[in-house]
Amino acid sequence: MTSTEILTKIERYCAYQDRCSQEVVTKLRSWQIEEQEQRQVLQILKNDGFLDDERYVQSFIRGKINTKQWGVQKIRLGLIQKGISKELID
């Protein structure tokens, strides 16, 4: 896969629904993308607004409260499992 194809596919992946950085890295690893290129792709996605962990946290919380009726502790654990930093969780 070329860099342009990778970027196009991962942009579509992120545009479909909010994703956290860990989800994007996992997807890139499944495509066997080298670590250096993963970092470059992440930076491009963040600069272009496709990837924003703070927006992801807000969307995650909203979805779990409204749809699943989760409490604070369960939401906190879910975010930790997604690799979200403690600062964003708080």
C-alpha atoms as a PDB file:
ATOM      1  CA  MET A   1       0.000   0.000   0.000  1.00  0.00           C
ATOM      2  CA  THR A   2       1.287   3.464  -0.824  1.00  0.00           C
ATOM      3  CA  SER A   3       1.328   6.294   1.702  1.00  0.00           C
ATOM      4  CA  THR A   4      -1.518   8.026  -0.113  1.00  0.00           C
ATOM      5  CA  GLU A   5      -3.680   4.885  -0.055  1.00  0.00           C
ATOM      6  CA  ILE A   6      -2.966   4.364   3.645  1.00  0.00           C
ATOM      7  CA  LEU A   7      -3.869   7.949   4.464  1.00  0.00           C
ATOM      8  CA  THR A   8      -7.070   7.822   2.407  1.00  0.00           C
ATOM      9  CA  LYS A   9      -8.231   4.573   4.020  1.00  0.00           C
ATOM     10  CA  ILE A  10      -7.444   5.682   7.563  1.00  0.00           C
ATOM     11  CA  GLU A  11      -9.121   9.071   6.998  1.00  0.00           C
ATOM     12  CA  ARG A  12     -12.296   7.231   5.952  1.00  0.00           C
ATOM     13  CA  TYR A  13     -11.950   5.021   9.034  1.00  0.00           C
ATOM     14  CA  CYS A  14     -11.755   8.098  11.269  1.00  0.00           C
ATOM     15  CA  ALA A  15     -14.510   9.990   9.434  1.00  0.00           C
ATOM     16  CA  TYR A  16     -16.991   7.148   9.937  1.00  0.00           C
ATOM     17  CA  GLN A  17     -16.972   7.685  13.717  1.00  0.00           C
ATOM     18  CA  ASP A  18     -14.719   9.283  16.311  1.00  0.00           C
ATOM     19  CA  ARG A  19     -11.647   7.160  16.987  1.00  0.00           C
ATOM     20  CA  CYS A  20      -8.979   7.382  19.647  1.00  0.00           C
ATOM     21  CA  SER A  21      -5.262   7.237  18.839  1.00  0.00           C
ATOM     22  CA  GLN A  22      -4.973   3.668  20.122  1.00  0.00           C
ATOM     23  CA  GLU A  23      -7.685   2.452  17.732  1.00  0.00           C
ATOM     24  CA  VAL A  24      -5.917   4.072  14.785  1.00  0.00           C
ATOM     25  CA  VAL A  25      -2.548   2.611  15.780  1.00  0.00           C
ATOM     26  CA  THR A  26      -4.131  -0.838  16.127  1.00  0.00           C
ATOM     27  CA  LYS A  27      -5.639  -0.523  12.648  1.00  0.00           C
ATOM     28  CA  LEU A  28      -2.315   0.620  11.158  1.00  0.00           C
ATOM     29  CA  ARG A  29      -0.517  -2.294  12.828  1.00  0.00           C
ATOM     30  CA  SER A  30      -3.067  -4.713  11.377  1.00  0.00           C
ATOM     31  CA  TRP A  31      -2.053  -3.353   7.953  1.00  0.00           C
ATOM     32  CA  GLN A  32       1.605  -3.975   8.945  1.00  0.00           C
ATOM     33  CA  ILE A  33       2.576  -0.310   8.640  1.00  0.00           C
ATOM     34  CA  GLU A  34       6.023   0.587  10.018  1.00  0.00           C
ATOM     35  CA  GLU A  35       6.137   2.499  13.301  1.00  0.00           C
ATOM     36  CA  GLN A  36       7.729   5.605  11.793  1.00  0.00           C
ATOM     37  CA  GLU A  37       4.994   5.849   9.165  1.00  0.00           C
ATOM     38  CA  GLN A  38       2.363   5.261  11.881  1.00  0.00           C
ATOM     39  CA  ARG A  39       3.628   8.329  13.742  1.00  0.00           C
ATOM     40  CA  GLN A  40       3.538  10.400  10.550  1.00  0.00           C
ATOM     41  CA  VAL A  41      -0.017   9.289   9.745  1.00  0.00           C
ATOM     42  CA  LEU A  42      -1.158  10.064  13.319  1.00  0.00           C
ATOM     43  CA  GLN A  43       0.337  13.558  13.089  1.00  0.00           C
ATOM     44  CA  ILE A  44      -1.363  14.219   9.738  1.00  0.00           C
ATOM     45  CA  LEU A  45      -4.712  12.979  11.088  1.00  0.00           C
ATOM     46  CA  LYS A  46      -4.425  15.232  14.146  1.00  0.00           C
ATOM     47  CA  ASN A  47      -3.428  18.253  12.048  1.00  0.00           C
ATOM     48  CA  ASP A  48      -6.320  17.700   9.627  1.00  0.00           C
ATOM     49  CA  GLY A  49      -8.893  17.215  12.411  1.00  0.00           C
ATOM     50  CA  PHE A  50      -9.622  13.541  11.741  1.00  0.00           C
ATOM     51  CA  LEU A  51      -8.199  12.460  15.098  1.00  0.00           C
ATOM     52  CA  ASP A  52      -8.852  14.258  18.373  1.00  0.00           C
ATOM     53  CA  ASP A  53      -8.710  12.290  21.614  1.00  0.00           C
ATOM     54  CA  GLU A  54     -10.520  15.034  23.551  1.00  0.00           C
ATOM     55  CA  ARG A  55     -13.427  14.943  21.082  1.00  0.00           C
ATOM     56  CA  TYR A  56     -13.381  11.139  21.268  1.00  0.00           C
ATOM     57  CA  VAL A  57     -13.664  11.223  25.087  1.00  0.00           C
ATOM     58  CA  GLN A  58     -16.661  13.565  24.917  1.00  0.00           C
ATOM     59  CA  SER A  59     -18.357  11.389  22.313  1.00  0.00           C
ATOM     60  CA  PHE A  60     -17.602   8.200  24.271  1.00  0.00           C
ATOM     61  CA  ILE A  61     -19.047   9.627  27.494  1.00  0.00           C
ATOM     62  CA  ARG A  62     -22.151  10.974  25.758  1.00  0.00           C
ATOM     63  CA  GLY A  63     -22.784   7.665  24.026  1.00  0.00           C
ATOM     64  CA  LYS A  64     -22.312   5.501  27.103  1.00  0.00           C
ATOM     65  CA  ILE A  65     -24.496   7.677  29.321  1.00  0.00           C
ATOM     66  CA  ASN A  66     -27.344   8.089  26.815  1.00  0.00           C
ATOM     67  CA  THR A  67     -27.346   4.647  25.222  1.00  0.00           C
ATOM     68  CA  LYS A  68     -25.901   2.195  27.719  1.00  0.00           C
ATOM     69  CA  GLN A  69     -26.745   3.988  30.990  1.00  0.00           C
ATOM     70  CA  TRP A  70     -23.168   3.486  32.218  1.00  0.00           C
ATOM     71  CA  GLY A  71     -21.988   5.056  35.459  1.00  0.00           C
ATOM     72  CA  VAL A  72     -18.882   7.111  36.103  1.00  0.00           C
ATOM     73  CA  GLN A  73     -16.626   4.204  37.115  1.00  0.00           C
ATOM     74  CA  LYS A  74     -17.548   2.048  34.135  1.00  0.00           C
ATOM     75  CA  ILE A  75     -16.976   4.970  31.749  1.00  0.00           C
ATOM     76  CA  ARG A  76     -13.617   5.684  33.399  1.00  0.00           C
ATOM     77  CA  LEU A  77     -12.545   2.028  32.996  1.00  0.00           C
ATOM     78  CA  GLY A  78     -13.712   1.994  29.389  1.00  0.00           C
ATOM     79  CA  LEU A  79     -11.585   5.038  28.604  1.00  0.00           C
ATOM     80  CA  ILE A  80      -8.568   3.540  30.367  1.00  0.00           C
ATOM     81  CA  GLN A  81      -8.957   0.417  28.220  1.00  0.00           C
ATOM     82  CA  LYS A  82      -8.929   2.644  25.138  1.00  0.00           C
ATOM     83  CA  GLY A  83      -5.561   4.072  26.194  1.00  0.00           C
ATOM     84  CA  ILE A  84      -6.830   7.569  27.000  1.00  0.00           C
ATOM     85  CA  SER A  85      -4.568   9.651  29.244  1.00  0.00           C
ATOM     86  CA  LYS A  86      -5.570  10.272  32.844  1.00  0.00           C
ATOM     87  CA  GLU A  87      -5.638  14.041  32.233  1.00  0.00           C
ATOM     88  CA  LEU A  88      -8.303  13.681  29.534  1.00  0.00           C
ATOM     89  CA  ILE A  89     -10.326  11.239  31.629  1.00  0.00           C
ATOM     90  CA  ASP A  90     -10.395  13.628  34.578  1.00  0.00           C
END
